[in-house]
């Protein structure tokens, strides 16, 4: 079996001094690829460095809506330049977060739109973060002709899912699908096109059951794959083959 973790944050403080060990754990658990996702300029740079120094690790660059208050023309130029670096496979994570609202909505929208423009002009794939802002995200994305986009840690309803499938957008699922009272997402997984389905950890967050409450890491993606298999009536091997193929196609790796 082979797994690809399509959304991880190995460069943050939680893993300081342990990244090599975490990568070994992942490889011992048949994780052959990890997409390390940027959320501001420093994390985008560290993601690039991590990818350059480790086989099977790839980077994305972007500014998260939490940091949109600090967005300016200089950062826009920086992200556009970083997106050209070797082993950078997407712009992201970008989007809107009206749950925590750490940046004002207008600042978030400006930051989001500018990075969508960077992605479109550079032909880059896009990783979307959305929390309690689906109507606005849908409205903005529908203004663009986007071909390669994933809604990470998907939490939308069946109507949003159908909207995504009609446009060929991918949905990515993590340990949250193993939590109780998540039947809506289970129903979406059961009925969605299998070629648009990805696995992620979003580590160090969202550890799957039975590890909930502990620091998450890429090796734990197997628990999410097992749950996805239970929902779909597939073996973990079949889920591995399906989602790894999808990840390779989406990220062109």
Protein backbone atom coordinates (compact mmCIF):
# COMPACT_ATOMS: atom_id res chain seq x y z
CA UNK A 1 0.00 0.00 0.00
CA UNK A 2 0.97 3.62 -0.51
CA UNK A 3 -0.55 6.77 0.98
CA UNK A 4 -0.12 10.45 0.19
CA UNK A 5 -0.89 12.98 2.92
CA UNK A 6 -2.16 15.91 0.87
CA UNK A 7 -2.18 18.47 3.69
CA UNK A 8 0.37 18.60 6.51
CA UNK A 9 2.19 21.24 8.56
CA UNK A 10 5.47 19.59 9.56
CA UNK A 11 7.34 22.88 9.87
CA UNK A 12 5.42 24.32 12.82
CA UNK A 13 6.48 24.53 16.46
CA UNK A 14 4.73 21.29 17.47
CA UNK A 15 7.27 19.28 15.45
CA UNK A 16 10.41 21.32 16.20
CA UNK A 17 13.43 19.04 16.49
CA UNK A 18 11.41 15.96 15.51
CA UNK A 19 10.74 16.39 11.80
CA UNK A 20 13.17 13.66 10.78
CA UNK A 21 11.57 11.22 13.20
CA UNK A 22 8.06 12.15 12.01
CA UNK A 23 9.08 11.57 8.38
CA UNK A 24 10.53 8.16 9.29
CA UNK A 25 7.31 7.25 11.08
CA UNK A 26 5.40 8.21 7.94
CA UNK A 27 7.59 6.13 5.66
CA UNK A 28 7.33 3.15 7.99
CA UNK A 29 3.54 3.51 7.69
CA UNK A 30 3.71 3.48 3.87
CA UNK A 31 3.22 7.21 3.44
CA UNK A 32 5.17 7.85 0.23
CA UNK A 33 4.26 11.50 -0.22
CA UNK A 34 3.50 14.52 1.95
CA UNK A 35 2.28 17.93 0.77
CA UNK A 36 3.55 20.44 3.32
CA UNK A 37 1.26 23.46 3.20
CA UNK A 38 2.24 27.08 3.66
CA UNK A 39 -0.01 29.51 5.54
CA UNK A 40 2.18 32.65 5.62
CA UNK A 41 5.49 33.77 4.13
CA UNK A 42 7.77 32.09 6.73
CA UNK A 43 5.89 28.78 6.56
CA UNK A 44 5.90 28.90 2.77
CA UNK A 45 9.67 29.33 2.83
CA UNK A 46 10.15 26.54 5.37
CA UNK A 47 7.87 24.26 3.34
CA UNK A 48 10.06 24.82 0.28
CA UNK A 49 13.20 24.07 2.27
CA UNK A 50 11.64 20.94 3.75
CA UNK A 51 10.67 19.72 0.28
CA UNK A 52 14.11 20.42 -1.16
CA UNK A 53 15.78 18.40 1.57
CA UNK A 54 13.46 15.37 1.63
CA UNK A 55 12.39 12.97 -1.09
CA UNK A 56 8.63 12.55 -1.36
CA UNK A 57 7.83 15.89 0.28
CA UNK A 58 6.35 18.73 -1.73
CA UNK A 59 5.47 22.31 -0.81
CA UNK A 60 2.69 24.82 -1.26
CA UNK A 61 2.88 28.56 -0.70
CA UNK A 62 0.17 30.91 0.46
CA UNK A 63 -1.23 33.18 3.14
CA UNK A 64 -4.06 31.85 5.32
CA UNK A 65 -7.09 34.07 5.98
CA UNK A 66 -6.03 34.36 9.63
CA UNK A 67 -3.03 36.41 8.44
CA UNK A 68 -4.90 38.44 5.82
CA UNK A 69 -4.67 41.57 7.96
CA UNK A 70 -0.96 41.67 7.14
CA UNK A 71 -1.42 41.16 3.38
CA UNK A 72 0.11 43.78 1.09
CA UNK A 73 1.63 44.17 -2.37
CA UNK A 74 5.05 43.04 -1.15
CA UNK A 75 3.62 39.76 0.15
CA UNK A 76 1.68 39.27 -3.07
CA UNK A 77 4.88 39.59 -5.09
CA UNK A 78 6.66 37.25 -2.68
CA UNK A 79 4.04 34.52 -2.99
CA UNK A 80 4.08 34.81 -6.78
CA UNK A 81 7.86 34.39 -6.76
CA UNK A 82 7.87 31.51 -4.27
CA UNK A 83 5.26 29.67 -6.33
CA UNK A 84 7.89 29.25 -9.06
CA UNK A 85 10.28 27.33 -6.77
CA UNK A 86 11.17 23.70 -7.35
CA UNK A 87 8.75 21.19 -5.78
CA UNK A 88 6.03 23.79 -5.16
CA UNK A 89 2.82 22.10 -6.29
CA UNK A 90 0.05 24.56 -5.36
CA UNK A 91 -1.01 27.93 -3.97
CA UNK A 92 -2.50 27.43 -0.54
CA UNK A 93 -3.87 27.27 1.85
CA UNK A 94 -5.97 30.28 0.98
CA UNK A 95 -9.60 31.18 1.53
CA UNK A 96 -11.93 32.60 4.15
CA UNK A 97 -12.42 31.84 7.83
CA UNK A 98 -15.44 33.52 9.41
CA UNK A 99 -15.37 31.19 12.42
CA UNK A 100 -12.37 32.69 14.19
CA UNK A 101 -12.31 35.98 12.26
CA UNK A 102 -8.69 36.73 13.13
CA UNK A 103 -8.67 39.12 10.19
CA UNK A 104 -11.49 41.38 9.07
CA UNK A 105 -13.67 39.90 6.30
CA UNK A 106 -12.71 42.61 3.81
CA UNK A 107 -9.02 41.90 4.42
CA UNK A 108 -9.64 38.18 4.01
CA UNK A 109 -11.45 38.69 0.71
CA UNK A 110 -8.68 40.95 -0.65
CA UNK A 111 -5.99 38.43 0.32
CA UNK A 112 -8.03 35.56 -1.14
CA UNK A 113 -8.74 37.28 -4.45
CA UNK A 114 -5.14 38.38 -4.94
CA UNK A 115 -3.86 34.85 -4.42
CA UNK A 116 -6.47 33.42 -6.76
CA UNK A 117 -5.17 35.84 -9.38
CA UNK A 118 -1.62 34.61 -8.74
CA UNK A 119 -2.76 31.02 -9.13
CA UNK A 120 -4.70 31.70 -12.32
CA UNK A 121 -1.92 33.72 -13.95
CA UNK A 122 0.69 31.12 -13.04
CA UNK A 123 -1.40 28.06 -13.82
CA UNK A 124 -1.06 26.78 -10.25
CA UNK A 125 -3.24 24.31 -8.40
CA UNK A 126 -5.15 25.73 -5.42
CA UNK A 127 -5.82 24.52 -1.87
CA UNK A 128 -8.86 26.18 -0.29
CA UNK A 129 -9.49 26.73 3.42
CA UNK A 130 -13.10 27.57 4.25
CA UNK A 131 -14.76 27.74 7.65
CA UNK A 132 -18.27 29.13 8.05
CA UNK A 133 -17.85 31.18 4.88
CA UNK A 134 -19.18 28.86 2.19
CA UNK A 135 -21.58 31.25 0.47
CA UNK A 136 -18.84 33.85 0.03
CA UNK A 137 -16.23 31.30 -1.07
CA UNK A 138 -18.62 29.84 -3.65
CA UNK A 139 -19.51 33.31 -4.96
CA UNK A 140 -15.84 34.27 -5.36
CA UNK A 141 -14.68 31.00 -6.89
CA UNK A 142 -17.49 31.13 -9.43
CA UNK A 143 -15.97 34.34 -10.80
CA UNK A 144 -12.94 32.37 -12.00
CA UNK A 145 -12.38 29.57 -14.51
CA UNK A 146 -10.53 27.20 -12.19
CA UNK A 147 -9.48 23.70 -13.20
CA UNK A 148 -7.35 22.30 -10.37
CA UNK A 149 -8.73 23.06 -6.93
CA UNK A 150 -9.19 21.10 -3.69
CA UNK A 151 -11.44 22.02 -0.77
CA UNK A 152 -9.28 20.92 2.13
CA UNK A 153 -10.72 19.48 5.36
CA UNK A 154 -14.12 19.58 3.70
CA UNK A 155 -16.93 20.60 6.04
CA UNK A 156 -19.62 21.79 3.63
CA UNK A 157 -23.11 20.42 3.15
CA UNK A 158 -24.36 18.19 0.29
CA UNK A 159 -25.34 21.25 -1.80
CA UNK A 160 -21.79 22.64 -1.58
CA UNK A 161 -20.42 19.20 -2.41
CA UNK A 162 -22.58 18.97 -5.54
CA UNK A 163 -21.45 22.45 -6.58
CA UNK A 164 -17.83 21.28 -6.23
CA UNK A 165 -18.35 18.06 -8.17
CA UNK A 166 -20.01 19.89 -11.05
CA UNK A 167 -16.81 21.92 -11.42
CA UNK A 168 -14.45 18.98 -11.01
CA UNK A 169 -13.11 20.21 -7.68
CA UNK A 170 -11.57 17.71 -5.29
CA UNK A 171 -12.56 17.20 -1.65
CA UNK A 172 -9.99 16.24 0.97
CA UNK A 173 -10.84 14.43 4.22
CA UNK A 174 -8.91 13.99 7.46
CA UNK A 175 -9.28 12.49 10.92
CA UNK A 176 -12.48 14.45 11.54
CA UNK A 177 -14.41 11.81 9.56
CA UNK A 178 -13.67 9.35 12.39
CA UNK A 179 -15.45 11.54 14.95
CA UNK A 180 -19.00 10.83 16.19
CA UNK A 181 -21.95 12.77 14.75
CA UNK A 182 -20.35 13.33 11.36
CA UNK A 183 -23.01 11.57 9.33
CA UNK A 184 -23.46 14.39 6.81
CA UNK A 185 -19.85 14.10 5.68
CA UNK A 186 -20.14 10.31 5.62
CA UNK A 187 -23.10 10.66 3.26
CA UNK A 188 -21.13 12.97 0.99
CA UNK A 189 -18.24 10.50 0.88
CA UNK A 190 -20.62 7.65 0.08
CA UNK A 191 -22.10 9.43 -2.92
CA UNK A 192 -19.23 11.48 -4.34
CA UNK A 193 -17.17 10.73 -7.47
CA UNK A 194 -14.31 8.55 -6.28
CA UNK A 195 -11.84 10.22 -8.62
CA UNK A 196 -12.26 13.53 -6.71
CA UNK A 197 -11.45 12.13 -3.25
CA UNK A 198 -8.23 12.85 -1.33
CA UNK A 199 -6.82 11.98 2.10
CA UNK A 200 -5.01 14.39 4.41
CA UNK A 201 -4.04 14.71 8.07
CA UNK A 202 -3.86 18.51 8.57
CA UNK A 203 -1.31 17.51 11.19
CA UNK A 204 -0.59 18.33 13.94
CA UNK A 205 -4.36 18.95 14.18
CA UNK A 206 -7.43 16.70 13.90
CA UNK A 207 -5.97 13.39 15.03
CA UNK A 208 -8.23 10.49 14.10
CA UNK A 209 -9.92 8.15 16.53
CA UNK A 210 -8.37 6.31 18.42
CA UNK A 211 -5.67 9.00 18.74
CA UNK A 212 -7.94 11.99 19.21
CA UNK A 213 -6.44 14.49 21.63
CA UNK A 214 -2.87 13.55 20.70
CA UNK A 215 -0.61 15.35 18.25
CA UNK A 216 -1.42 14.21 14.75
CA UNK A 217 1.20 13.15 12.18
CA UNK A 218 1.23 11.72 8.64
CA UNK A 219 1.64 8.12 9.83
CA UNK A 220 -1.86 8.30 11.33
CA UNK A 221 -3.50 8.73 7.92
CA UNK A 222 -4.12 4.97 7.94
CA UNK A 223 -6.89 5.44 10.53
CA UNK A 224 -8.67 7.92 8.29
CA UNK A 225 -8.24 5.59 5.31
CA UNK A 226 -9.74 2.73 7.32
CA UNK A 227 -12.77 4.86 8.21
CA UNK A 228 -13.18 5.97 4.61
CA UNK A 229 -13.09 2.30 3.59
CA UNK A 230 -15.80 1.49 6.12
CA UNK A 231 -17.99 4.25 4.68
CA UNK A 232 -17.42 3.13 1.09
CA UNK A 233 -17.37 -0.62 1.65
CA UNK A 234 -13.75 -0.80 0.49
CA UNK A 235 -10.62 -2.31 2.01
CA UNK A 236 -7.86 -0.03 3.26
CA UNK A 237 -5.79 -1.24 0.32
CA UNK A 238 -8.45 -0.12 -2.14
CA UNK A 239 -8.71 3.27 -0.42
CA UNK A 240 -4.92 3.56 -0.57
CA UNK A 241 -4.83 2.80 -4.29
CA UNK A 242 -7.72 5.16 -5.06
CA UNK A 243 -6.62 8.20 -3.07
CA UNK A 244 -2.93 7.90 -3.94
CA UNK A 245 -3.76 7.79 -7.65
CA UNK A 246 -6.01 10.85 -7.21
CA UNK A 247 -3.28 12.75 -5.34
CA UNK A 248 -0.68 11.99 -8.00
CA UNK A 249 -3.03 13.23 -10.72
CA UNK A 250 -4.15 16.35 -8.88
CA UNK A 251 -0.68 17.52 -7.78
CA UNK A 252 1.09 16.12 -10.85
CA UNK A 253 3.66 14.28 -8.73
